[in-house]
Every structure is written in structure tokens, then in C-alpha cells.
């Protein structure tokens, strides 16, 4: 089995009206329920929109995101599936429910974590 991070950028859902947000929330929750029922759901959440802080190796704290960063994660799901193709199918379901594009990246599994 392989673990995948399915995520979308902060601001990707800004085009959705306040009136449509409950429907989008229910649609995305339905996909989460389906992923749980299928046994592929590990964890997921929306990331609160706020100013990030960066902690450097020397302990210095600064405002983030890192200046070179063009995108900040707005929400994510972690799924454990048999293949990249299966992860892409789930990502398509999330994209349709959330009305925004999803990025799919395989997670390097570390048994120590």
C-alpha cells in the first residue's frame, strides 16, 4: 500500500460564494465518508488561513511562508491506497466536491514515524 497527500492551495476555494459553502462542505464530507468506508482514509483537515511562522534550524523565528513559496496548503487528505492511479481517482472526487484542483503527491513512508 502507498500513502498519498491530496491537497489544494490556500485561496483555491475563494471563488465559491458564502451561499454555496454548505453544499461544498457536505459534498466534501460525503467523499471523506466514502474514503473511510473504503478503508483508505488516514487523516485530513483544512488549514486555517493565517500568517505562518517559520522556525529555522538555529531557532530563529520569522514570518512565513518562505518568500520563494508561491502556494500555501489550504487543506489536505492523506489516503492509503494500492496505486497512484487509485489516488488520482480519489483526488478527482475531492476536486469535484471542493470545486478546486487537487495536487497528488506520494508520501515516503517512514516506519519510525
PDB file of N, CA and C in Angstrom:
ATOM      1  N   UNK A   1       0.843  -1.182   0.000  1.00  0.00           N
ATOM      2  CA  UNK A   1       0.000   0.000   0.000  1.00  0.00           C
ATOM      3  C   UNK A   1       0.889   1.246   0.000  1.00  0.00           C
ATOM      4  N   UNK A   2       0.364   2.297  -0.576  1.00  0.00           N
ATOM      5  CA  UNK A   2       1.079   3.564  -0.693  1.00  0.00           C
ATOM      6  C   UNK A   2       0.239   4.673  -0.065  1.00  0.00           C
ATOM      7  N   UNK A   3       0.909   5.639   0.552  1.00  0.00           N
ATOM      8  CA  UNK A   3       0.216   6.781   1.130  1.00  0.00           C
ATOM      9  C   UNK A   3       0.414   7.994   0.228  1.00  0.00           C
ATOM     10  N   UNK A   4      -0.666   8.751   0.061  1.00  0.00           N
ATOM     11  CA  UNK A   4      -0.641   9.930  -0.791  1.00  0.00           C
ATOM     12  C   UNK A   4      -1.216  11.128  -0.062  1.00  0.00           C
ATOM     13  N   UNK A   5      -0.602  12.266  -0.310  1.00  0.00           N
ATOM     14  CA  UNK A   5      -1.100  13.549   0.155  1.00  0.00           C
ATOM     15  C   UNK A   5      -1.888  14.155  -1.002  1.00  0.00           C
ATOM     16  N   UNK A   6      -3.160  14.419  -0.762  1.00  0.00           N
ATOM     17  CA  UNK A   6      -4.010  15.100  -1.740  1.00  0.00           C
ATOM     18  C   UNK A   6      -4.314  16.454  -1.128  1.00  0.00           C
ATOM     19  N   UNK A   7      -3.922  17.532  -1.809  1.00  0.00           N
ATOM     20  CA  UNK A   7      -4.055  18.855  -1.200  1.00  0.00           C
ATOM     21  C   UNK A   7      -4.485  19.903  -2.217  1.00  0.00           C
ATOM     22  N   UNK A   8      -4.926  21.027  -1.671  1.00  0.00           N
ATOM     23  CA  UNK A   8      -5.239  22.178  -2.519  1.00  0.00           C
ATOM     24  C   UNK A   8      -4.653  23.425  -1.879  1.00  0.00           C
ATOM     25  N   UNK A   9      -4.385  24.417  -2.716  1.00  0.00           N
ATOM     26  CA  UNK A   9      -3.764  25.656  -2.257  1.00  0.00           C
ATOM     27  C   UNK A   9      -4.750  26.536  -1.517  1.00  0.00           C
ATOM     28  N   UNK A  10      -4.227  27.279  -0.549  1.00  0.00           N
ATOM     29  CA  UNK A  10      -4.998  28.295   0.137  1.00  0.00           C
ATOM     30  C   UNK A  10      -5.509  29.287  -0.905  1.00  0.00           C
ATOM     31  N   UNK A  11      -6.757  29.610  -0.834  1.00  0.00           N
ATOM     32  CA  UNK A  11      -7.349  30.535  -1.803  1.00  0.00           C
ATOM     33  C   UNK A  11      -8.009  29.848  -2.979  1.00  0.00           C
ATOM     34  N   UNK A  12      -7.812  28.542  -3.134  1.00  0.00           N
ATOM     35  CA  UNK A  12      -8.379  27.820  -4.273  1.00  0.00           C
ATOM     36  C   UNK A  12      -9.902  27.776  -4.251  1.00  0.00           C
ATOM     37  N   UNK A  13     -10.475  27.976  -3.074  1.00  0.00           N
ATOM     38  CA  UNK A  13     -11.932  27.920  -2.964  1.00  0.00           C
ATOM     39  C   UNK A  13     -12.540  29.314  -2.805  1.00  0.00           C
ATOM     40  N   UNK A  14     -11.731  30.360  -2.994  1.00  0.00           N
ATOM     41  CA  UNK A  14     -12.233  31.729  -2.826  1.00  0.00           C
ATOM     42  C   UNK A  14     -13.328  32.091  -3.819  1.00  0.00           C
ATOM     43  N   UNK A  15     -13.425  31.372  -4.918  1.00  0.00           N
ATOM     44  CA  UNK A  15     -14.447  31.665  -5.928  1.00  0.00           C
ATOM     45  C   UNK A  15     -15.840  31.162  -5.515  1.00  0.00           C
ATOM     46  N   UNK A  16     -15.915  30.395  -4.451  1.00  0.00           N
ATOM     47  CA  UNK A  16     -17.188  29.822  -4.009  1.00  0.00           C
ATOM     48  C   UNK A  16     -17.905  30.839  -3.120  1.00  0.00           C
ATOM     49  N   UNK A  17     -19.162  31.076  -3.433  1.00  0.00           N
ATOM     50  CA  UNK A  17     -19.930  32.062  -2.668  1.00  0.00           C
ATOM     51  C   UNK A  17     -20.262  31.522  -1.274  1.00  0.00           C
ATOM     52  N   UNK A  18     -20.511  32.433  -0.355  1.00  0.00           N
ATOM     53  CA  UNK A  18     -20.913  32.058   1.016  1.00  0.00           C
ATOM     54  C   UNK A  18     -22.135  31.144   0.977  1.00  0.00           C
ATOM     55  N   UNK A  19     -23.057  31.438   0.074  1.00  0.00           N
ATOM     56  CA  UNK A  19     -24.282  30.646  -0.028  1.00  0.00           C
ATOM     57  C   UNK A  19     -23.998  29.207  -0.465  1.00  0.00           C
ATOM     58  N   UNK A  20     -22.946  29.009  -1.262  1.00  0.00           N
ATOM     59  CA  UNK A  20     -22.614  27.667  -1.761  1.00  0.00           C
ATOM     60  C   UNK A  20     -21.712  26.868  -0.821  1.00  0.00           C
ATOM     61  N   UNK A  21     -21.105  27.518   0.170  1.00  0.00           N
ATOM     62  CA  UNK A  21     -20.159  26.815   1.047  1.00  0.00           C
ATOM     63  C   UNK A  21     -20.768  25.618   1.776  1.00  0.00           C
ATOM     64  N   UNK A  22     -22.007  25.694   2.299  1.00  0.00           N
ATOM     65  CA  UNK A  22     -22.561  24.498   2.956  1.00  0.00           C
ATOM     66  C   UNK A  22     -22.672  23.293   2.008  1.00  0.00           C
ATOM     67  N   UNK A  23     -23.056  23.537   0.767  1.00  0.00           N
ATOM     68  CA  UNK A  23     -23.160  22.433  -0.200  1.00  0.00           C
ATOM     69  C   UNK A  23     -21.793  21.845  -0.507  1.00  0.00           C
ATOM     70  N   UNK A  24     -20.787  22.705  -0.641  1.00  0.00           N
ATOM     71  CA  UNK A  24     -19.423  22.231  -0.897  1.00  0.00           C
ATOM     72  C   UNK A  24     -18.927  21.437   0.306  1.00  0.00           C
ATOM     73  N   UNK A  25     -19.192  21.939   1.503  1.00  0.00           N
ATOM     74  CA  UNK A  25     -18.797  21.216   2.717  1.00  0.00           C
ATOM     75  C   UNK A  25     -19.437  19.845   2.792  1.00  0.00           C
ATOM     76  N   UNK A  26     -20.725  19.761   2.499  1.00  0.00           N
ATOM     77  CA  UNK A  26     -21.411  18.466   2.540  1.00  0.00           C
ATOM     78  C   UNK A  26     -20.867  17.530   1.465  1.00  0.00           C
ATOM     79  N   UNK A  27     -20.603  18.056   0.277  1.00  0.00           N
ATOM     80  CA  UNK A  27     -20.064  17.219  -0.804  1.00  0.00           C
ATOM     81  C   UNK A  27     -18.691  16.673  -0.430  1.00  0.00           C
ATOM     82  N   UNK A  28     -17.837  17.515   0.153  1.00  0.00           N
ATOM     83  CA  UNK A  28     -16.503  17.037   0.533  1.00  0.00           C
ATOM     84  C   UNK A  28     -16.589  16.060   1.698  1.00  0.00           C
ATOM     85  N   UNK A  29     -17.483  16.310   2.642  1.00  0.00           N
ATOM     86  CA  UNK A  29     -17.662  15.362   3.751  1.00  0.00           C
ATOM     87  C   UNK A  29     -18.182  14.015   3.254  1.00  0.00           C
ATOM     88  N   UNK A  30     -19.012  14.034   2.220  1.00  0.00           N
ATOM     89  CA  UNK A  30     -19.501  12.777   1.645  1.00  0.00           C
ATOM     90  C   UNK A  30     -18.349  11.962   1.074  1.00  0.00           C
ATOM     91  N   UNK A  31     -17.403  12.623   0.398  1.00  0.00           N
ATOM     92  CA  UNK A  31     -16.240  11.905  -0.139  1.00  0.00           C
ATOM     93  C   UNK A  31     -15.390  11.362   1.004  1.00  0.00           C
ATOM     94  N   UNK A  32     -15.232  12.129   2.079  1.00  0.00           N
ATOM     95  CA  UNK A  32     -14.475  11.655   3.245  1.00  0.00           C
ATOM     96  C   UNK A  32     -15.153  10.409   3.818  1.00  0.00           C
ATOM     97  N   UNK A  33     -16.478  10.450   3.956  1.00  0.00           N
ATOM     98  CA  UNK A  33     -17.199   9.271   4.478  1.00  0.00           C
ATOM     99  C   UNK A  33     -16.996   8.062   3.579  1.00  0.00           C
ATOM    100  N   UNK A  34     -17.001   8.280   2.265  1.00  0.00           N
ATOM    101  CA  UNK A  34     -16.771   7.183   1.326  1.00  0.00           C
ATOM    102  C   UNK A  34     -15.349   6.640   1.455  1.00  0.00           C
ATOM    103  N   UNK A  35     -14.375   7.528   1.624  1.00  0.00           N
ATOM    104  CA  UNK A  35     -12.983   7.091   1.790  1.00  0.00           C
ATOM    105  C   UNK A  35     -12.828   6.296   3.087  1.00  0.00           C
ATOM    106  N   UNK A  36     -13.504   6.728   4.142  1.00  0.00           N
ATOM    107  CA  UNK A  36     -13.460   5.983   5.407  1.00  0.00           C
ATOM    108  C   UNK A  36     -14.097   4.615   5.243  1.00  0.00           C
ATOM    109  N   UNK A  37     -15.241   4.579   4.584  1.00  0.00           N
ATOM    110  CA  UNK A  37     -15.926   3.297   4.365  1.00  0.00           C
ATOM    111  C   UNK A  37     -15.089   2.356   3.509  1.00  0.00           C
ATOM    112  N   UNK A  38     -14.310   2.914   2.593  1.00  0.00           N
ATOM    113  CA  UNK A  38     -13.448   2.106   1.724  1.00  0.00           C
ATOM    114  C   UNK A  38     -12.161   1.679   2.429  1.00  0.00           C
ATOM    115  N   UNK A  39     -11.916   2.233   3.630  1.00  0.00           N
ATOM    116  CA  UNK A  39     -10.729   1.869   4.390  1.00  0.00           C
ATOM    117  C   UNK A  39      -9.450   2.520   3.911  1.00  0.00           C
ATOM    118  N   UNK A  40      -9.542   3.626   3.142  1.00  0.00           N
ATOM    119  CA  UNK A  40      -8.345   4.281   2.618  1.00  0.00           C
ATOM    120  C   UNK A  40      -8.011   5.581   3.350  1.00  0.00           C
ATOM    121  N   UNK A  41      -8.908   6.085   4.164  1.00  0.00           N
ATOM    122  CA  UNK A  41      -8.730   7.370   4.854  1.00  0.00           C
ATOM    123  C   UNK A  41      -7.735   7.236   5.987  1.00  0.00           C
ATOM    124  N   UNK A  42      -6.729   8.123   6.044  1.00  0.00           N
ATOM    125  CA  UNK A  42      -5.798   8.204   7.160  1.00  0.00           C
ATOM    126  C   UNK A  42      -6.112   9.438   7.993  1.00  0.00           C
ATOM    127  N   UNK A  43      -6.091  10.618   7.346  1.00  0.00           N
ATOM    128  CA  UNK A  43      -6.315  11.864   8.059  1.00  0.00           C
ATOM    129  C   UNK A  43      -6.495  12.991   7.047  1.00  0.00           C
ATOM    130  N   UNK A  44      -7.148  14.043   7.450  1.00  0.00           N
ATOM    131  CA  UNK A  44      -7.277  15.210   6.603  1.00  0.00           C
ATOM    132  C   UNK A  44      -7.818  16.383   7.388  1.00  0.00           C
ATOM    133  N   UNK A  45      -7.630  17.584   6.844  1.00  0.00           N
ATOM    134  CA  UNK A  45      -8.124  18.786   7.509  1.00  0.00           C
ATOM    135  C   UNK A  45      -7.970  19.982   6.594  1.00  0.00           C
ATOM    136  N   UNK A  46      -8.695  21.027   6.931  1.00  0.00           N
ATOM    137  CA  UNK A  46      -8.469  22.325   6.316  1.00  0.00           C
ATOM    138  C   UNK A  46      -7.416  23.029   7.146  1.00  0.00           C
ATOM    139  N   UNK A  47      -6.619  23.855   6.509  1.00  0.00           N
ATOM    140  CA  UNK A  47      -5.589  24.606   7.221  1.00  0.00           C
ATOM    141  C   UNK A  47      -6.099  26.034   7.373  1.00  0.00           C
ATOM    142  N   UNK A  48      -6.144  26.489   8.607  1.00  0.00           N
ATOM    143  CA  UNK A  48      -6.668  27.822   8.885  1.00  0.00           C
ATOM    144  C   UNK A  48      -5.836  28.881   8.165  1.00  0.00           C
ATOM    145  N   UNK A  49      -6.516  29.843   7.610  1.00  0.00           N
ATOM    146  CA  UNK A  49      -5.847  30.931   6.898  1.00  0.00           C
ATOM    147  C   UNK A  49      -5.286  31.911   7.925  1.00  0.00           C
ATOM    148  N   UNK A  50      -4.013  31.964   7.989  1.00  0.00           N
ATOM    149  CA  UNK A  50      -3.341  32.859   8.930  1.00  0.00           C
ATOM    150  C   UNK A  50      -1.898  33.032   8.487  1.00  0.00           C
ATOM    151  N   UNK A  51      -1.225  33.957   9.077  1.00  0.00           N
ATOM    152  CA  UNK A  51       0.191  34.162   8.769  1.00  0.00           C
ATOM    153  C   UNK A  51       0.999  33.026   9.366  1.00  0.00           C
ATOM    154  N   UNK A  52       1.763  32.333   8.539  1.00  0.00           N
ATOM    155  CA  UNK A  52       2.615  31.247   9.020  1.00  0.00           C
ATOM    156  C   UNK A  52       3.848  31.820   9.710  1.00  0.00           C
ATOM    157  N   UNK A  53       4.426  31.033  10.560  1.00  0.00           N
ATOM    158  CA  UNK A  53       5.705  31.372  11.195  1.00  0.00           C
ATOM    159  C   UNK A  53       6.692  30.290  10.779  1.00  0.00           C
ATOM    160  N   UNK A  54       7.916  30.689  10.504  1.00  0.00           N
ATOM    161  CA  UNK A  54       8.972  29.771  10.097  1.00  0.00           C
ATOM    162  C   UNK A  54       9.987  29.687  11.231  1.00  0.00           C
ATOM    163  N   UNK A  55      10.298  28.455  11.656  1.00  0.00           N
ATOM    164  CA  UNK A  55      11.309  28.237  12.691  1.00  0.00           C
ATOM    165  C   UNK A  55      12.530  27.627  12.004  1.00  0.00           C
ATOM    166  N   UNK A  56      13.638  28.347  12.004  1.00  0.00           N
ATOM    167  CA  UNK A  56      14.876  27.917  11.354  1.00  0.00           C
ATOM    168  C   UNK A  56      15.616  26.911  12.235  1.00  0.00           C
ATOM    169  N   UNK A  57      16.583  26.182  11.663  1.00  0.00           N
ATOM    170  CA  UNK A  57      17.351  25.213  12.446  1.00  0.00           C
ATOM    171  C   UNK A  57      18.041  25.819  13.671  1.00  0.00           C
ATOM    172  N   UNK A  58      18.377  27.115  13.595  1.00  0.00           N
ATOM    173  CA  UNK A  58      19.039  27.747  14.741  1.00  0.00           C
ATOM    174  C   UNK A  58      18.033  28.285  15.770  1.00  0.00           C
ATOM    175  N   UNK A  59      16.736  28.063  15.535  1.00  0.00           N
ATOM    176  CA  UNK A  59      15.710  28.513  16.462  1.00  0.00           C
ATOM    177  C   UNK A  59      15.145  29.885  16.151  1.00  0.00           C
ATOM    178  N   UNK A  60      15.714  30.595  15.174  1.00  0.00           N
ATOM    179  CA  UNK A  60      15.223  31.917  14.793  1.00  0.00           C
ATOM    180  C   UNK A  60      13.808  31.776  14.218  1.00  0.00           C
ATOM    181  N   UNK A  61      12.904  32.653  14.635  1.00  0.00           N
ATOM    182  CA  UNK A  61      11.518  32.628  14.172  1.00  0.00           C
ATOM    183  C   UNK A  61      11.280  33.844  13.293  1.00  0.00           C
ATOM    184  N   UNK A  62      10.657  33.605  12.131  1.00  0.00           N
ATOM    185  CA  UNK A  62      10.352  34.692  11.214  1.00  0.00           C
ATOM    186  C   UNK A  62       8.971  34.485  10.610  1.00  0.00           C
ATOM    187  N   UNK A  63       8.464  35.535   9.956  1.00  0.00           N
ATOM    188  CA  UNK A  63       7.181  35.424   9.271  1.00  0.00           C
ATOM    189  C   UNK A  63       7.325  34.520   8.060  1.00  0.00           C
ATOM    190  N   UNK A  64       6.272  33.812   7.726  1.00  0.00           N
ATOM    191  CA  UNK A  64       6.260  32.946   6.554  1.00  0.00           C
ATOM    192  C   UNK A  64       5.049  33.289   5.714  1.00  0.00           C
ATOM    193  N   UNK A  65       4.762  32.585   4.659  1.00  0.00           N
ATOM    194  CA  UNK A  65       5.591  31.486   4.186  1.00  0.00           C
ATOM    195  C   UNK A  65       6.929  31.972   3.642  1.00  0.00           C
ATOM    196  N   UNK A  66       7.800  31.014   3.367  1.00  0.00           N
ATOM    197  CA  UNK A  66       9.110  31.330   2.812  1.00  0.00           C
ATOM    198  C   UNK A  66       8.887  32.160   1.546  1.00  0.00           C
ATOM    199  N   UNK A  67       9.609  33.261   1.344  1.00  0.00           N
ATOM    200  CA  UNK A  67       9.359  34.161   0.211  1.00  0.00           C
ATOM    201  C   UNK A  67       9.316  33.491  -1.155  1.00  0.00           C
ATOM    202  N   UNK A  68      10.100  32.447  -1.372  1.00  0.00           N
ATOM    203  CA  UNK A  68      10.099  31.779  -2.676  1.00  0.00           C
ATOM    204  C   UNK A  68       8.830  30.957  -2.896  1.00  0.00           C
ATOM    205  N   UNK A  69       8.077  30.705  -1.840  1.00  0.00           N
ATOM    206  CA  UNK A  69       6.881  29.886  -1.926  1.00  0.00           C
ATOM    207  C   UNK A  69       5.761  30.669  -2.590  1.00  0.00           C
ATOM    208  N   UNK A  70       5.189  30.104  -3.636  1.00  0.00           N
ATOM    209  CA  UNK A  70       4.098  30.759  -4.326  1.00  0.00           C
ATOM    210  C   UNK A  70       2.745  30.235  -3.853  1.00  0.00           C
ATOM    211  N   UNK A  71       2.702  29.069  -3.238  1.00  0.00           N
ATOM    212  CA  UNK A  71       1.445  28.482  -2.798  1.00  0.00           C
ATOM    213  C   UNK A  71       1.577  27.992  -1.358  1.00  0.00           C
ATOM    214  N   UNK A  72       0.474  28.067  -0.649  1.00  0.00           N
ATOM    215  CA  UNK A  72       0.407  27.599   0.720  1.00  0.00           C
ATOM    216  C   UNK A  72      -0.751  26.601   0.794  1.00  0.00           C
ATOM    217  N   UNK A  73      -0.582  25.508   1.487  1.00  0.00           N
ATOM    218  CA  UNK A  73      -1.622  24.484   1.581  1.00  0.00           C
ATOM    219  C   UNK A  73      -2.840  25.051   2.299  1.00  0.00           C
ATOM    220  N   UNK A  74      -4.005  24.855   1.698  1.00  0.00           N
ATOM    221  CA  UNK A  74      -5.262  25.295   2.292  1.00  0.00           C
ATOM    222  C   UNK A  74      -6.047  24.155   2.900  1.00  0.00           C
ATOM    223  N   UNK A  75      -5.782  22.935   2.471  1.00  0.00           N
ATOM    224  CA  UNK A  75      -6.447  21.755   3.006  1.00  0.00           C
ATOM    225  C   UNK A  75      -5.801  20.516   2.425  1.00  0.00           C
ATOM    226  N   UNK A  76      -5.990  19.394   3.117  1.00  0.00           N
ATOM    227  CA  UNK A  76      -5.331  18.174   2.649  1.00  0.00           C
ATOM    228  C   UNK A  76      -6.038  16.931   3.166  1.00  0.00           C
ATOM    229  N   UNK A  77      -5.762  15.830   2.490  1.00  0.00           N
ATOM    230  CA  UNK A  77      -6.190  14.493   2.904  1.00  0.00           C
ATOM    231  C   UNK A  77      -5.002  13.569   2.718  1.00  0.00           C
ATOM    232  N   UNK A  78      -4.879  12.612   3.595  1.00  0.00           N
ATOM    233  CA  UNK A  78      -3.870  11.574   3.446  1.00  0.00           C
ATOM    234  C   UNK A  78      -4.611  10.257   3.317  1.00  0.00           C
ATOM    235  N   UNK A  79      -4.359   9.573   2.217  1.00  0.00           N
ATOM    236  CA  UNK A  79      -5.022   8.298   1.937  1.00  0.00           C
ATOM    237  C   UNK A  79      -3.986   7.208   1.752  1.00  0.00           C
ATOM    238  N   UNK A  80      -4.373   5.996   2.090  1.00  0.00           N
ATOM    239  CA  UNK A  80      -3.520   4.831   1.847  1.00  0.00           C
ATOM    240  C   UNK A  80      -4.239   3.952   0.840  1.00  0.00           C
ATOM    241  N   UNK A  81      -3.663   3.880  -0.358  1.00  0.00           N
ATOM    242  CA  UNK A  81      -4.284   3.166  -1.468  1.00  0.00           C
ATOM    243  C   UNK A  81      -3.261   2.261  -2.141  1.00  0.00           C
ATOM    244  N   UNK A  82      -3.738   1.449  -3.063  1.00  0.00           N
ATOM    245  CA  UNK A  82      -2.853   0.465  -3.687  1.00  0.00           C
ATOM    246  C   UNK A  82      -1.988   1.037  -4.804  1.00  0.00           C
ATOM    247  N   UNK A  83      -2.374   2.193  -5.371  1.00  0.00           N
ATOM    248  CA  UNK A  83      -1.620   2.713  -6.513  1.00  0.00           C
ATOM    249  C   UNK A  83      -1.822   4.218  -6.680  1.00  0.00           C
ATOM    250  N   UNK A  84      -0.944   4.830  -7.459  1.00  0.00           N
ATOM    251  CA  UNK A  84      -1.089   6.248  -7.809  1.00  0.00           C
ATOM    252  C   UNK A  84      -2.403   6.464  -8.555  1.00  0.00           C
ATOM    253  N   UNK A  85      -2.751   5.532  -9.414  1.00  0.00           N
ATOM    254  CA  UNK A  85      -3.984   5.658 -10.186  1.00  0.00           C
ATOM    255  C   UNK A  85      -5.193   5.736  -9.260  1.00  0.00           C
ATOM    256  N   UNK A  86      -5.206   4.922  -8.209  1.00  0.00           N
ATOM    257  CA  UNK A  86      -6.309   4.966  -7.258  1.00  0.00           C
ATOM    258  C   UNK A  86      -6.321   6.310  -6.522  1.00  0.00           C
ATOM    259  N   UNK A  87      -5.150   6.829  -6.173  1.00  0.00           N
ATOM    260  CA  UNK A  87      -5.065   8.145  -5.525  1.00  0.00           C
ATOM    261  C   UNK A  87      -5.626   9.223  -6.445  1.00  0.00           C
ATOM    262  N   UNK A  88      -5.344   9.119  -7.735  1.00  0.00           N
ATOM    263  CA  UNK A  88      -5.857  10.101  -8.687  1.00  0.00           C
ATOM    264  C   UNK A  88      -7.379  10.047  -8.795  1.00  0.00           C
ATOM    265  N   UNK A  89      -7.940   8.854  -8.693  1.00  0.00           N
ATOM    266  CA  UNK A  89      -9.404   8.720  -8.707  1.00  0.00           C
ATOM    267  C   UNK A  89     -10.012   9.431  -7.498  1.00  0.00           C
ATOM    268  N   UNK A  90      -9.421   9.211  -6.318  1.00  0.00           N
ATOM    269  CA  UNK A  90      -9.910   9.897  -5.120  1.00  0.00           C
ATOM    270  C   UNK A  90      -9.721  11.400  -5.244  1.00  0.00           C
ATOM    271  N   UNK A  91      -8.585  11.841  -5.774  1.00  0.00           N
ATOM    272  CA  UNK A  91      -8.328  13.277  -5.946  1.00  0.00           C
ATOM    273  C   UNK A  91      -9.376  13.898  -6.863  1.00  0.00           C
ATOM    274  N   UNK A  92      -9.766  13.185  -7.899  1.00  0.00           N
ATOM    275  CA  UNK A  92     -10.802  13.694  -8.803  1.00  0.00           C
ATOM    276  C   UNK A  92     -12.128  13.858  -8.067  1.00  0.00           C
ATOM    277  N   UNK A  93     -12.419  12.946  -7.179  1.00  0.00           N
ATOM    278  CA  UNK A  93     -13.661  13.048  -6.394  1.00  0.00           C
ATOM    279  C   UNK A  93     -13.604  14.248  -5.460  1.00  0.00           C
ATOM    280  N   UNK A  94     -12.446  14.472  -4.820  1.00  0.00           N
ATOM    281  CA  UNK A  94     -12.291  15.644  -3.962  1.00  0.00           C
ATOM    282  C   UNK A  94     -12.346  16.933  -4.788  1.00  0.00           C
ATOM    283  N   UNK A  95     -11.730  16.942  -5.955  1.00  0.00           N
ATOM    284  CA  UNK A  95     -11.738  18.125  -6.812  1.00  0.00           C
ATOM    285  C   UNK A  95     -13.162  18.510  -7.190  1.00  0.00           C
ATOM    286  N   UNK A  96     -13.953  17.521  -7.540  1.00  0.00           N
ATOM    287  CA  UNK A  96     -15.344  17.796  -7.905  1.00  0.00           C
ATOM    288  C   UNK A  96     -16.118  18.306  -6.694  1.00  0.00           C
ATOM    289  N   UNK A  97     -15.943  17.672  -5.539  1.00  0.00           N
ATOM    290  CA  UNK A  97     -16.674  18.074  -4.336  1.00  0.00           C
ATOM    291  C   UNK A  97     -16.266  19.461  -3.860  1.00  0.00           C
ATOM    292  N   UNK A  98     -14.965  19.737  -3.869  1.00  0.00           N
ATOM    293  CA  UNK A  98     -14.442  21.014  -3.360  1.00  0.00           C
ATOM    294  C   UNK A  98     -14.442  22.120  -4.398  1.00  0.00           C
ATOM    295  N   UNK A  99     -14.699  21.747  -5.659  1.00  0.00           N
ATOM    296  CA  UNK A  99     -14.728  22.703  -6.772  1.00  0.00           C
ATOM    297  C   UNK A  99     -13.381  23.399  -6.972  1.00  0.00           C
ATOM    298  N   UNK A 100     -12.306  22.638  -6.722  1.00  0.00           N
ATOM    299  CA  UNK A 100     -10.966  23.191  -6.974  1.00  0.00           C
ATOM    300  C   UNK A 100      -9.993  22.046  -7.258  1.00  0.00           C
ATOM    301  N   UNK A 101      -8.929  22.383  -7.967  1.00  0.00           N
ATOM    302  CA  UNK A 101      -7.912  21.400  -8.340  1.00  0.00           C
ATOM    303  C   UNK A 101      -7.222  20.833  -7.100  1.00  0.00           C
ATOM    304  N   UNK A 102      -6.786  19.600  -7.210  1.00  0.00           N
ATOM    305  CA  UNK A 102      -6.103  18.908  -6.129  1.00  0.00           C
ATOM    306  C   UNK A 102      -4.724  18.465  -6.607  1.00  0.00           C
ATOM    307  N   UNK A 103      -3.735  18.604  -5.754  1.00  0.00           N
ATOM    308  CA  UNK A 103      -2.387  18.129  -6.045  1.00  0.00           C
ATOM    309  C   UNK A 103      -2.225  16.763  -5.384  1.00  0.00           C
ATOM    310  N   UNK A 104      -1.586  15.831  -6.071  1.00  0.00           N
ATOM    311  CA  UNK A 104      -1.390  14.473  -5.551  1.00  0.00           C
ATOM    312  C   UNK A 104       0.105  14.189  -5.479  1.00  0.00           C
ATOM    313  N   UNK A 105       0.567  13.841  -4.277  1.00  0.00           N
ATOM    314  CA  UNK A 105       1.989  13.529  -4.075  1.00  0.00           C
ATOM    315  C   UNK A 105       2.102  12.310  -3.181  1.00  0.00           C
ATOM    316  N   UNK A 106       2.980  11.385  -3.568  1.00  0.00           N
ATOM    317  CA  UNK A 106       3.193  10.203  -2.736  1.00  0.00           C
ATOM    318  C   UNK A 106       4.021  10.580  -1.512  1.00  0.00           C
ATOM    319  N   UNK A 107       3.671   9.993  -0.391  1.00  0.00           N
ATOM    320  CA  UNK A 107       4.378  10.226   0.865  1.00  0.00           C
ATOM    321  C   UNK A 107       5.399   9.115   1.041  1.00  0.00           C
ATOM    322  N   UNK A 108       6.626   9.488   1.341  1.00  0.00           N
ATOM    323  CA  UNK A 108       7.663   8.498   1.635  1.00  0.00           C
ATOM    324  C   UNK A 108       7.415   7.940   3.018  1.00  0.00           C
ATOM    325  N   UNK A 109       6.940   6.719   3.105  1.00  0.00           N
ATOM    326  CA  UNK A 109       6.587   6.121   4.388  1.00  0.00           C
ATOM    327  C   UNK A 109       7.844   5.870   5.227  1.00  0.00           C
ATOM    328  N   UNK A 110       7.777   6.265   6.466  1.00  0.00           N
ATOM    329  CA  UNK A 110       8.860   6.065   7.421  1.00  0.00           C
ATOM    330  C   UNK A 110       8.289   5.277   8.592  1.00  0.00           C
ATOM    331  N   UNK A 111       8.687   4.018   8.761  1.00  0.00           N
ATOM    332  CA  UNK A 111       8.118   3.197   9.847  1.00  0.00           C
ATOM    333  C   UNK A 111       8.412   3.731  11.241  1.00  0.00           C
ATOM    334  N   UNK A 112       9.362   4.653  11.376  1.00  0.00           N
ATOM    335  CA  UNK A 112       9.680   5.261  12.672  1.00  0.00           C
ATOM    336  C   UNK A 112       8.699   6.368  13.047  1.00  0.00           C
ATOM    337  N   UNK A 113       7.903   6.829  12.070  1.00  0.00           N
ATOM    338  CA  UNK A 113       7.002   7.951  12.371  1.00  0.00           C
ATOM    339  C   UNK A 113       5.602   7.479  12.710  1.00  0.00           C
TER     340      UNK A 113
END
